[in-house]
Amino acid sequence: MEMDIRGTELAVIREYLCGMGGVAQAPDLVIGEGWQASLAEGEYRFARWIFPRVIVTFDGDAERVAEVAKRLRLLAFRGGG
């Protein structure tokens, strides 16, 4: 499973994943019980603006991956305010 997260830095996504029981094995790899997430940093351009972008690629047990991805989606795609 792959997620494209725009507007949030890689370090923040890694922190979210670690908060869900994962352990950072490298700056771009977090491993949890039954899942692992590889992180790739980039940028998203819209008109003249540039936003951070992180591609998260999950591997592991399908149920655990779905659970962690759902929690990450709620954290990463929350509204500002």
C-alpha atoms as a PDB file:
ATOM      1  CA  MET A   1       0.000   0.000   0.000  1.00  0.00           C
ATOM      2  CA  GLU A   2       1.266   3.465  -0.825  1.00  0.00           C
ATOM      3  CA  MET A   3       0.243   6.869   0.523  1.00  0.00           C
ATOM      4  CA  ASP A   4       1.143  10.257  -0.958  1.00  0.00           C
ATOM      5  CA  ILE A   5       1.174  12.799   1.868  1.00  0.00           C
ATOM      6  CA  ARG A   6       1.536  16.444   0.903  1.00  0.00           C
ATOM      7  CA  GLY A   7       2.166  19.371   3.208  1.00  0.00           C
ATOM      8  CA  THR A   8       3.910  17.469   6.012  1.00  0.00           C
ATOM      9  CA  GLU A   9       7.646  16.935   6.516  1.00  0.00           C
ATOM     10  CA  LEU A  10       9.209  13.448   6.555  1.00  0.00           C
ATOM     11  CA  ALA A  11      10.340  13.873  10.175  1.00  0.00           C
ATOM     12  CA  VAL A  12       6.749  14.497  11.256  1.00  0.00           C
ATOM     13  CA  ILE A  13       5.451  11.419   9.419  1.00  0.00           C
ATOM     14  CA  ARG A  14       8.230   9.331  10.996  1.00  0.00           C
ATOM     15  CA  GLU A  15       7.242  10.682  14.430  1.00  0.00           C
ATOM     16  CA  TYR A  16       3.583   9.754  13.809  1.00  0.00           C
ATOM     17  CA  LEU A  17       4.584   6.205  12.832  1.00  0.00           C
ATOM     18  CA  CYS A  18       6.818   5.859  15.889  1.00  0.00           C
ATOM     19  CA  GLY A  19       3.905   7.032  18.015  1.00  0.00           C
ATOM     20  CA  MET A  20       1.910   4.109  16.619  1.00  0.00           C
ATOM     21  CA  GLY A  21       4.410   1.590  17.937  1.00  0.00           C
ATOM     22  CA  GLY A  22       6.988   1.721  15.168  1.00  0.00           C
ATOM     23  CA  VAL A  23      10.733   2.009  15.661  1.00  0.00           C
ATOM     24  CA  ALA A  24      12.836   4.126  13.298  1.00  0.00           C
ATOM     25  CA  GLN A  25      15.508   1.834  11.850  1.00  0.00           C
ATOM     26  CA  ALA A  26      16.843   4.534   9.517  1.00  0.00           C
ATOM     27  CA  PRO A  27      15.720   8.059   8.596  1.00  0.00           C
ATOM     28  CA  ASP A  28      13.526   6.554   5.874  1.00  0.00           C
ATOM     29  CA  LEU A  29      12.389   3.263   7.488  1.00  0.00           C
ATOM     30  CA  VAL A  30      10.034   2.596  10.403  1.00  0.00           C
ATOM     31  CA  ILE A  31       9.246  -0.960  11.518  1.00  0.00           C
ATOM     32  CA  GLY A  32       6.322  -1.943  13.724  1.00  0.00           C
ATOM     33  CA  GLU A  33       4.768  -5.219  14.814  1.00  0.00           C
ATOM     34  CA  GLY A  34       3.507  -6.804  11.596  1.00  0.00           C
ATOM     35  CA  TRP A  35       4.284  -3.813   9.374  1.00  0.00           C
ATOM     36  CA  GLN A  36       7.009  -1.596   8.017  1.00  0.00           C
ATOM     37  CA  ALA A  37       6.942   1.758   6.272  1.00  0.00           C
ATOM     38  CA  SER A  38       9.498   3.111   3.820  1.00  0.00           C
ATOM     39  CA  LEU A  39       9.506   6.899   3.486  1.00  0.00           C
ATOM     40  CA  ALA A  40      10.575   8.888   0.428  1.00  0.00           C
ATOM     41  CA  GLU A  41      10.861  12.675   0.660  1.00  0.00           C
ATOM     42  CA  GLY A  42      10.057  14.997  -2.191  1.00  0.00           C
ATOM     43  CA  GLU A  43       8.167  18.143  -3.016  1.00  0.00           C
ATOM     44  CA  TYR A  44       4.846  19.049  -4.551  1.00  0.00           C
ATOM     45  CA  ARG A  45       4.580  22.163  -6.698  1.00  0.00           C
ATOM     46  CA  PHE A  46       1.380  24.073  -7.196  1.00  0.00           C
ATOM     47  CA  ALA A  47       1.599  27.271  -9.208  1.00  0.00           C
ATOM     48  CA  ARG A  48       4.489  29.163  -7.594  1.00  0.00           C
ATOM     49  CA  TRP A  49       4.277  27.386  -4.232  1.00  0.00           C
ATOM     50  CA  ILE A  50       6.334  24.395  -3.142  1.00  0.00           C
ATOM     51  CA  PHE A  51       5.073  22.025  -0.451  1.00  0.00           C
ATOM     52  CA  PRO A  52       6.801  19.084   1.239  1.00  0.00           C
ATOM     53  CA  ARG A  53       5.714  15.635   0.089  1.00  0.00           C
ATOM     54  CA  VAL A  54       6.289  12.185   1.572  1.00  0.00           C
ATOM     55  CA  ILE A  55       5.539   8.897  -0.164  1.00  0.00           C
ATOM     56  CA  VAL A  56       4.903   6.178   2.429  1.00  0.00           C
ATOM     57  CA  THR A  57       5.119   2.582   1.201  1.00  0.00           C
ATOM     58  CA  PHE A  58       3.754  -0.004   3.622  1.00  0.00           C
ATOM     59  CA  ASP A  59       4.582  -3.714   3.691  1.00  0.00           C
ATOM     60  CA  GLY A  60       3.482  -6.462   6.058  1.00  0.00           C
ATOM     61  CA  ASP A  61       0.319  -8.067   7.369  1.00  0.00           C
ATOM     62  CA  ALA A  62      -2.621  -6.627   5.394  1.00  0.00           C
ATOM     63  CA  GLU A  63      -4.804  -6.010   8.466  1.00  0.00           C
ATOM     64  CA  ARG A  64      -2.017  -4.324  10.450  1.00  0.00           C
ATOM     65  CA  VAL A  65      -1.002  -2.218   7.436  1.00  0.00           C
ATOM     66  CA  ALA A  66      -4.613  -1.102   6.925  1.00  0.00           C
ATOM     67  CA  GLU A  67      -4.932  -0.180  10.608  1.00  0.00           C
ATOM     68  CA  VAL A  68      -1.689   1.821  10.702  1.00  0.00           C
ATOM     69  CA  ALA A  69      -2.436   3.513   7.351  1.00  0.00           C
ATOM     70  CA  LYS A  70      -5.896   4.547   8.571  1.00  0.00           C
ATOM     71  CA  ARG A  71      -4.439   6.084  11.745  1.00  0.00           C
ATOM     72  CA  LEU A  72      -1.701   7.843   9.758  1.00  0.00           C
ATOM     73  CA  ARG A  73      -4.261   9.223   7.321  1.00  0.00           C
ATOM     74  CA  LEU A  74      -6.249  10.723  10.213  1.00  0.00           C
ATOM     75  CA  LEU A  75      -3.131  12.371  11.652  1.00  0.00           C
ATOM     76  CA  ALA A  76      -1.591  13.581   8.407  1.00  0.00           C
ATOM     77  CA  PHE A  77      -4.709  14.821   6.649  1.00  0.00           C
ATOM     78  CA  ARG A  78      -6.299  16.681   9.545  1.00  0.00           C
ATOM     79  CA  GLY A  79      -7.559  20.165   8.949  1.00  0.00           C
ATOM     80  CA  GLY A  80      -5.626  23.142  10.210  1.00  0.00           C
ATOM     81  CA  GLY A  81      -6.980  25.620  12.655  1.00  0.00           C
END
